[in-house]
Amino acid sequence: MKTQRLELTFPEKLIKKPVLYDLVKAYDVVPNIRRANVDEKFGWIVLEISGEEKVLEQAFAYLEDLGIDIEHLDTFVE
């Protein structure tokens, strides 16, 4: 299992969507929200996310397809 720390930046159209819930259900990853700031027009989350490497890559592609910007902050190996 691999863990990565990310900063996700959400566009306004996704602020009220359950993106992390959908991500967990679809890809069986484990999120750990470290920090977040969300208002009516903009949101960001610093997230540690764990899962198999191939599944994480698929999850990241899903987030990017939604229009979420992903910045990889660092990588941990467990």
PDB file of N, CA and C in Angstrom:
ATOM      1  N   MET A   1       0.848  -1.168   0.000  1.00  0.00           N
ATOM      2  CA  MET A   1       0.000   0.000   0.000  1.00  0.00           C
ATOM      3  C   MET A   1       0.901   1.240   0.000  1.00  0.00           C
ATOM      4  N   LYS A   2       0.459   2.245  -0.717  1.00  0.00           N
ATOM      5  CA  LYS A   2       1.218   3.476  -0.865  1.00  0.00           C
ATOM      6  C   LYS A   2       0.369   4.637  -0.340  1.00  0.00           C
ATOM      7  N   THR A   3       1.027   5.624   0.242  1.00  0.00           N
ATOM      8  CA  THR A   3       0.337   6.822   0.708  1.00  0.00           C
ATOM      9  C   THR A   3       0.968   8.037   0.061  1.00  0.00           C
ATOM     10  N   GLN A   4       0.120   8.937  -0.434  1.00  0.00           N
ATOM     11  CA  GLN A   4       0.602  10.185  -1.013  1.00  0.00           C
ATOM     12  C   GLN A   4      -0.124  11.354  -0.377  1.00  0.00           C
ATOM     13  N   ARG A   5       0.597  12.461  -0.236  1.00  0.00           N
ATOM     14  CA  ARG A   5      -0.023  13.693   0.253  1.00  0.00           C
ATOM     15  C   ARG A   5      -0.245  14.608  -0.943  1.00  0.00           C
ATOM     16  N   LEU A   6      -1.466  15.103  -1.061  1.00  0.00           N
ATOM     17  CA  LEU A   6      -1.875  15.917  -2.204  1.00  0.00           C
ATOM     18  C   LEU A   6      -2.533  17.194  -1.715  1.00  0.00           C
ATOM     19  N   GLU A   7      -2.505  18.200  -2.577  1.00  0.00           N
ATOM     20  CA  GLU A   7      -3.388  19.349  -2.385  1.00  0.00           C
ATOM     21  C   GLU A   7      -4.343  19.353  -3.566  1.00  0.00           C
ATOM     22  N   LEU A   8      -5.631  19.262  -3.276  1.00  0.00           N
ATOM     23  CA  LEU A   8      -6.665  19.263  -4.296  1.00  0.00           C
ATOM     24  C   LEU A   8      -7.335  20.627  -4.304  1.00  0.00           C
ATOM     25  N   THR A   9      -7.483  21.212  -5.490  1.00  0.00           N
ATOM     26  CA  THR A   9      -8.166  22.489  -5.635  1.00  0.00           C
ATOM     27  C   THR A   9      -9.424  22.271  -6.458  1.00  0.00           C
ATOM     28  N   PHE A  10     -10.556  22.603  -5.867  1.00  0.00           N
ATOM     29  CA  PHE A  10     -11.862  22.338  -6.470  1.00  0.00           C
ATOM     30  C   PHE A  10     -12.416  23.571  -7.162  1.00  0.00           C
ATOM     31  N   PRO A  11     -12.958  23.401  -8.382  1.00  0.00           N
ATOM     32  CA  PRO A  11     -13.660  24.509  -9.018  1.00  0.00           C
ATOM     33  C   PRO A  11     -15.039  24.694  -8.374  1.00  0.00           C
ATOM     34  N   GLU A  12     -15.616  25.847  -8.595  1.00  0.00           N
ATOM     35  CA  GLU A  12     -16.902  26.193  -7.985  1.00  0.00           C
ATOM     36  C   GLU A  12     -17.981  25.145  -8.260  1.00  0.00           C
ATOM     37  N   LYS A  13     -18.013  24.604  -9.473  1.00  0.00           N
ATOM     38  CA  LYS A  13     -19.079  23.658  -9.831  1.00  0.00           C
ATOM     39  C   LYS A  13     -19.054  22.372  -8.999  1.00  0.00           C
ATOM     40  N   LEU A  14     -17.928  22.068  -8.325  1.00  0.00           N
ATOM     41  CA  LEU A  14     -17.822  20.829  -7.554  1.00  0.00           C
ATOM     42  C   LEU A  14     -17.905  21.029  -6.043  1.00  0.00           C
ATOM     43  N   ILE A  15     -18.060  22.254  -5.591  1.00  0.00           N
ATOM     44  CA  ILE A  15     -18.031  22.544  -4.160  1.00  0.00           C
ATOM     45  C   ILE A  15     -19.089  21.750  -3.386  1.00  0.00           C
ATOM     46  N   LYS A  16     -20.256  21.577  -3.928  1.00  0.00           N
ATOM     47  CA  LYS A  16     -21.338  20.888  -3.209  1.00  0.00           C
ATOM     48  C   LYS A  16     -21.461  19.409  -3.551  1.00  0.00           C
ATOM     49  N   LYS A  17     -20.530  18.882  -4.357  1.00  0.00           N
ATOM     50  CA  LYS A  17     -20.570  17.471  -4.743  1.00  0.00           C
ATOM     51  C   LYS A  17     -19.792  16.621  -3.734  1.00  0.00           C
ATOM     52  N   PRO A  18     -20.230  15.383  -3.488  1.00  0.00           N
ATOM     53  CA  PRO A  18     -19.529  14.501  -2.545  1.00  0.00           C
ATOM     54  C   PRO A  18     -18.350  13.780  -3.226  1.00  0.00           C
ATOM     55  N   VAL A  19     -17.373  14.548  -3.664  1.00  0.00           N
ATOM     56  CA  VAL A  19     -16.273  14.012  -4.466  1.00  0.00           C
ATOM     57  C   VAL A  19     -15.470  12.965  -3.694  1.00  0.00           C
ATOM     58  N   LEU A  20     -15.103  13.241  -2.454  1.00  0.00           N
ATOM     59  CA  LEU A  20     -14.306  12.265  -1.696  1.00  0.00           C
ATOM     60  C   LEU A  20     -15.093  10.999  -1.410  1.00  0.00           C
ATOM     61  N   TYR A  21     -16.359  11.128  -1.117  1.00  0.00           N
ATOM     62  CA  TYR A  21     -17.203   9.950  -0.915  1.00  0.00           C
ATOM     63  C   TYR A  21     -17.219   9.095  -2.182  1.00  0.00           C
ATOM     64  N   ASP A  22     -17.450   9.735  -3.325  1.00  0.00           N
ATOM     65  CA  ASP A  22     -17.472   9.004  -4.596  1.00  0.00           C
ATOM     66  C   ASP A  22     -16.127   8.351  -4.875  1.00  0.00           C
ATOM     67  N   LEU A  23     -15.036   9.039  -4.546  1.00  0.00           N
ATOM     68  CA  LEU A  23     -13.695   8.507  -4.761  1.00  0.00           C
ATOM     69  C   LEU A  23     -13.463   7.240  -3.935  1.00  0.00           C
ATOM     70  N   VAL A  24     -13.852   7.285  -2.677  1.00  0.00           N
ATOM     71  CA  VAL A  24     -13.687   6.132  -1.791  1.00  0.00           C
ATOM     72  C   VAL A  24     -14.520   4.956  -2.271  1.00  0.00           C
ATOM     73  N   LYS A  25     -15.761   5.204  -2.638  1.00  0.00           N
ATOM     74  CA  LYS A  25     -16.648   4.132  -3.093  1.00  0.00           C
ATOM     75  C   LYS A  25     -16.157   3.494  -4.394  1.00  0.00           C
ATOM     76  N   ALA A  26     -15.676   4.314  -5.324  1.00  0.00           N
ATOM     77  CA  ALA A  26     -15.285   3.813  -6.643  1.00  0.00           C
ATOM     78  C   ALA A  26     -13.912   3.149  -6.642  1.00  0.00           C
ATOM     79  N   TYR A  27     -12.982   3.636  -5.812  1.00  0.00           N
ATOM     80  CA  TYR A  27     -11.591   3.172  -5.912  1.00  0.00           C
ATOM     81  C   TYR A  27     -11.056   2.507  -4.656  1.00  0.00           C
ATOM     82  N   ASP A  28     -11.861   2.413  -3.607  1.00  0.00           N
ATOM     83  CA  ASP A  28     -11.459   1.737  -2.379  1.00  0.00           C
ATOM     84  C   ASP A  28     -10.124   2.277  -1.851  1.00  0.00           C
ATOM     85  N   VAL A  29     -10.015   3.603  -1.792  1.00  0.00           N
ATOM     86  CA  VAL A  29      -8.835   4.255  -1.229  1.00  0.00           C
ATOM     87  C   VAL A  29      -9.191   4.778   0.163  1.00  0.00           C
ATOM     88  N   VAL A  30      -8.163   5.104   0.938  1.00  0.00           N
ATOM     89  CA  VAL A  30      -8.370   5.599   2.297  1.00  0.00           C
ATOM     90  C   VAL A  30      -7.904   7.053   2.357  1.00  0.00           C
ATOM     91  N   PRO A  31      -8.831   7.999   2.530  1.00  0.00           N
ATOM     92  CA  PRO A  31      -8.444   9.405   2.619  1.00  0.00           C
ATOM     93  C   PRO A  31      -8.239   9.839   4.072  1.00  0.00           C
ATOM     94  N   ASN A  32      -7.335  10.768   4.266  1.00  0.00           N
ATOM     95  CA  ASN A  32      -7.129  11.384   5.567  1.00  0.00           C
ATOM     96  C   ASN A  32      -6.992  12.887   5.311  1.00  0.00           C
ATOM     97  N   ILE A  33      -8.022  13.646   5.636  1.00  0.00           N
ATOM     98  CA  ILE A  33      -8.003  15.090   5.394  1.00  0.00           C
ATOM     99  C   ILE A  33      -7.132  15.741   6.466  1.00  0.00           C
ATOM    100  N   ARG A  34      -6.077  16.422   6.013  1.00  0.00           N
ATOM    101  CA  ARG A  34      -5.142  17.073   6.930  1.00  0.00           C
ATOM    102  C   ARG A  34      -5.479  18.546   7.142  1.00  0.00           C
ATOM    103  N   ARG A  35      -5.956  19.194   6.085  1.00  0.00           N
ATOM    104  CA  ARG A  35      -6.393  20.592   6.152  1.00  0.00           C
ATOM    105  C   ARG A  35      -7.399  20.811   5.040  1.00  0.00           C
ATOM    106  N   ALA A  36      -8.238  21.805   5.208  1.00  0.00           N
ATOM    107  CA  ALA A  36      -9.200  22.121   4.156  1.00  0.00           C
ATOM    108  C   ALA A  36      -9.734  23.529   4.345  1.00  0.00           C
ATOM    109  N   ASN A  37     -10.147  24.104   3.248  1.00  0.00           N
ATOM    110  CA  ASN A  37     -10.823  25.394   3.265  1.00  0.00           C
ATOM    111  C   ASN A  37     -11.806  25.391   2.097  1.00  0.00           C
ATOM    112  N   VAL A  38     -13.070  25.547   2.413  1.00  0.00           N
ATOM    113  CA  VAL A  38     -14.107  25.521   1.389  1.00  0.00           C
ATOM    114  C   VAL A  38     -15.064  26.678   1.639  1.00  0.00           C
ATOM    115  N   ASP A  39     -15.342  27.435   0.582  1.00  0.00           N
ATOM    116  CA  ASP A  39     -16.395  28.445   0.681  1.00  0.00           C
ATOM    117  C   ASP A  39     -17.335  28.255  -0.505  1.00  0.00           C
ATOM    118  N   GLU A  40     -18.146  29.223  -0.811  1.00  0.00           N
ATOM    119  CA  GLU A  40     -19.168  29.056  -1.847  1.00  0.00           C
ATOM    120  C   GLU A  40     -18.610  28.974  -3.262  1.00  0.00           C
ATOM    121  N   LYS A  41     -17.403  29.501  -3.485  1.00  0.00           N
ATOM    122  CA  LYS A  41     -16.882  29.570  -4.842  1.00  0.00           C
ATOM    123  C   LYS A  41     -15.570  28.835  -5.066  1.00  0.00           C
ATOM    124  N   PHE A  42     -14.940  28.374  -3.998  1.00  0.00           N
ATOM    125  CA  PHE A  42     -13.597  27.813  -4.137  1.00  0.00           C
ATOM    126  C   PHE A  42     -13.330  26.880  -2.964  1.00  0.00           C
ATOM    127  N   GLY A  43     -12.541  25.858  -3.198  1.00  0.00           N
ATOM    128  CA  GLY A  43     -12.170  24.967  -2.113  1.00  0.00           C
ATOM    129  C   GLY A  43     -10.844  24.278  -2.368  1.00  0.00           C
ATOM    130  N   TRP A  44     -10.143  23.974  -1.297  1.00  0.00           N
ATOM    131  CA  TRP A  44      -8.927  23.173  -1.384  1.00  0.00           C
ATOM    132  C   TRP A  44      -8.858  22.240  -0.189  1.00  0.00           C
ATOM    133  N   ILE A  45      -8.186  21.118  -0.409  1.00  0.00           N
ATOM    134  CA  ILE A  45      -8.003  20.112   0.638  1.00  0.00           C
ATOM    135  C   ILE A  45      -6.575  19.605   0.557  1.00  0.00           C
ATOM    136  N   VAL A  46      -5.897  19.529   1.702  1.00  0.00           N
ATOM    137  CA  VAL A  46      -4.640  18.790   1.791  1.00  0.00           C
ATOM    138  C   VAL A  46      -5.035  17.418   2.306  1.00  0.00           C
ATOM    139  N   LEU A  47      -4.702  16.417   1.519  1.00  0.00           N
ATOM    140  CA  LEU A  47      -5.226  15.071   1.722  1.00  0.00           C
ATOM    141  C   LEU A  47      -4.099  14.059   1.664  1.00  0.00           C
ATOM    142  N   GLU A  48      -4.055  13.148   2.629  1.00  0.00           N
ATOM    143  CA  GLU A  48      -3.223  11.960   2.500  1.00  0.00           C
ATOM    144  C   GLU A  48      -4.150  10.864   2.004  1.00  0.00           C
ATOM    145  N   ILE A  49      -3.723  10.175   0.968  1.00  0.00           N
ATOM    146  CA  ILE A  49      -4.570   9.137   0.392  1.00  0.00           C
ATOM    147  C   ILE A  49      -3.744   7.860   0.231  1.00  0.00           C
ATOM    148  N   SER A  50      -4.323   6.737   0.665  1.00  0.00           N
ATOM    149  CA  SER A  50      -3.619   5.459   0.650  1.00  0.00           C
ATOM    150  C   SER A  50      -4.364   4.452  -0.209  1.00  0.00           C
ATOM    151  N   GLY A  51      -3.584   3.591  -0.869  1.00  0.00           N
ATOM    152  CA  GLY A  51      -4.147   2.526  -1.685  1.00  0.00           C
ATOM    153  C   GLY A  51      -3.061   1.895  -2.524  1.00  0.00           C
ATOM    154  N   GLU A  52      -3.446   0.922  -3.303  1.00  0.00           N
ATOM    155  CA  GLU A  52      -2.496   0.294  -4.219  1.00  0.00           C
ATOM    156  C   GLU A  52      -2.100   1.304  -5.293  1.00  0.00           C
ATOM    157  N   GLU A  53      -0.851   1.251  -5.740  1.00  0.00           N
ATOM    158  CA  GLU A  53      -0.336   2.266  -6.661  1.00  0.00           C
ATOM    159  C   GLU A  53      -1.175   2.397  -7.935  1.00  0.00           C
ATOM    160  N   LYS A  54      -1.557   1.296  -8.526  1.00  0.00           N
ATOM    161  CA  LYS A  54      -2.361   1.345  -9.755  1.00  0.00           C
ATOM    162  C   LYS A  54      -3.727   1.996  -9.495  1.00  0.00           C
ATOM    163  N   VAL A  55      -4.324   1.677  -8.364  1.00  0.00           N
ATOM    164  CA  VAL A  55      -5.620   2.243  -8.004  1.00  0.00           C
ATOM    165  C   VAL A  55      -5.495   3.747  -7.739  1.00  0.00           C
ATOM    166  N   LEU A  56      -4.405   4.158  -7.081  1.00  0.00           N
ATOM    167  CA  LEU A  56      -4.188   5.582  -6.846  1.00  0.00           C
ATOM    168  C   LEU A  56      -4.082   6.339  -8.163  1.00  0.00           C
ATOM    169  N   GLU A  57      -3.368   5.772  -9.113  1.00  0.00           N
ATOM    170  CA  GLU A  57      -3.247   6.420 -10.425  1.00  0.00           C
ATOM    171  C   GLU A  57      -4.616   6.579 -11.081  1.00  0.00           C
ATOM    172  N   GLN A  58      -5.461   5.566 -10.975  1.00  0.00           N
ATOM    173  CA  GLN A  58      -6.815   5.650 -11.529  1.00  0.00           C
ATOM    174  C   GLN A  58      -7.637   6.707 -10.790  1.00  0.00           C
ATOM    175  N   ALA A  59      -7.486   6.771  -9.478  1.00  0.00           N
ATOM    176  CA  ALA A  59      -8.212   7.752  -8.678  1.00  0.00           C
ATOM    177  C   ALA A  59      -7.775   9.169  -9.040  1.00  0.00           C
ATOM    178  N   PHE A  60      -6.478   9.370  -9.254  1.00  0.00           N
ATOM    179  CA  PHE A  60      -5.985  10.696  -9.637  1.00  0.00           C
ATOM    180  C   PHE A  60      -6.520  11.093 -11.006  1.00  0.00           C
ATOM    181  N   ALA A  61      -6.566  10.152 -11.931  1.00  0.00           N
ATOM    182  CA  ALA A  61      -7.117  10.439 -13.263  1.00  0.00           C
ATOM    183  C   ALA A  61      -8.596  10.826 -13.156  1.00  0.00           C
ATOM    184  N   TYR A  62      -9.332  10.140 -12.295  1.00  0.00           N
ATOM    185  CA  TYR A  62     -10.745  10.460 -12.067  1.00  0.00           C
ATOM    186  C   TYR A  62     -10.897  11.896 -11.572  1.00  0.00           C
ATOM    187  N   LEU A  63     -10.095  12.278 -10.587  1.00  0.00           N
ATOM    188  CA  LEU A  63     -10.168  13.633 -10.043  1.00  0.00           C
ATOM    189  C   LEU A  63      -9.838  14.674 -11.105  1.00  0.00           C
ATOM    190  N   GLU A  64      -8.806  14.421 -11.886  1.00  0.00           N
ATOM    191  CA  GLU A  64      -8.431  15.357 -12.951  1.00  0.00           C
ATOM    192  C   GLU A  64      -9.534  15.467 -13.999  1.00  0.00           C
ATOM    193  N   ASP A  65     -10.167  14.342 -14.326  1.00  0.00           N
ATOM    194  CA  ASP A  65     -11.271  14.362 -15.295  1.00  0.00           C
ATOM    195  C   ASP A  65     -12.447  15.212 -14.794  1.00  0.00           C
ATOM    196  N   LEU A  66     -12.620  15.273 -13.480  1.00  0.00           N
ATOM    197  CA  LEU A  66     -13.675  16.111 -12.902  1.00  0.00           C
ATOM    198  C   LEU A  66     -13.336  17.597 -12.975  1.00  0.00           C
ATOM    199  N   GLY A  67     -12.063  17.914 -13.170  1.00  0.00           N
ATOM    200  CA  GLY A  67     -11.644  19.312 -13.206  1.00  0.00           C
ATOM    201  C   GLY A  67     -10.948  19.767 -11.938  1.00  0.00           C
ATOM    202  N   ILE A  68     -10.545  18.820 -11.103  1.00  0.00           N
ATOM    203  CA  ILE A  68      -9.841  19.129  -9.862  1.00  0.00           C
ATOM    204  C   ILE A  68      -8.349  19.187 -10.150  1.00  0.00           C
ATOM    205  N   ASP A  69      -7.702  20.268  -9.705  1.00  0.00           N
ATOM    206  CA  ASP A  69      -6.252  20.393  -9.837  1.00  0.00           C
ATOM    207  C   ASP A  69      -5.595  19.608  -8.711  1.00  0.00           C
ATOM    208  N   ILE A  70      -4.557  18.829  -9.067  1.00  0.00           N
ATOM    209  CA  ILE A  70      -3.855  18.013  -8.086  1.00  0.00           C
ATOM    210  C   ILE A  70      -2.397  18.451  -8.029  1.00  0.00           C
ATOM    211  N   GLU A  71      -1.938  18.750  -6.821  1.00  0.00           N
ATOM    212  CA  GLU A  71      -0.515  19.006  -6.606  1.00  0.00           C
ATOM    213  C   GLU A  71       0.005  17.932  -5.667  1.00  0.00           C
ATOM    214  N   HIS A  72       0.990  17.152  -6.120  1.00  0.00           N
ATOM    215  CA  HIS A  72       1.590  16.110  -5.299  1.00  0.00           C
ATOM    216  C   HIS A  72       2.599  16.770  -4.361  1.00  0.00           C
ATOM    217  N   LEU A  73       2.337  16.710  -3.065  1.00  0.00           N
ATOM    218  CA  LEU A  73       3.197  17.386  -2.098  1.00  0.00           C
ATOM    219  C   LEU A  73       4.382  16.524  -1.686  1.00  0.00           C
ATOM    220  N   ASP A  74       4.170  15.269  -1.421  1.00  0.00           N
ATOM    221  CA  ASP A  74       5.247  14.319  -1.144  1.00  0.00           C
ATOM    222  C   ASP A  74       4.673  12.914  -1.160  1.00  0.00           C
ATOM    223  N   THR A  75       5.566  11.933  -1.086  1.00  0.00           N
ATOM    224  CA  THR A  75       5.142  10.541  -1.160  1.00  0.00           C
ATOM    225  C   THR A  75       5.692   9.798   0.063  1.00  0.00           C
ATOM    226  N   PHE A  76       4.899   8.916   0.635  1.00  0.00           N
ATOM    227  CA  PHE A  76       5.318   8.076   1.725  1.00  0.00           C
ATOM    228  C   PHE A  76       5.165   6.631   1.286  1.00  0.00           C
ATOM    229  N   VAL A  77       6.031   5.766   1.737  1.00  0.00           N
ATOM    230  CA  VAL A  77       5.882   4.340   1.467  1.00  0.00           C
ATOM    231  C   VAL A  77       5.700   3.643   2.807  1.00  0.00           C
ATOM    232  N   GLU A  78       4.649   2.858   2.907  1.00  0.00           N
ATOM    233  CA  GLU A  78       4.370   2.141   4.162  1.00  0.00           C
ATOM    234  C   GLU A  78       4.670   0.675   4.000  1.00  0.00           C
TER     235      GLU A  78
END
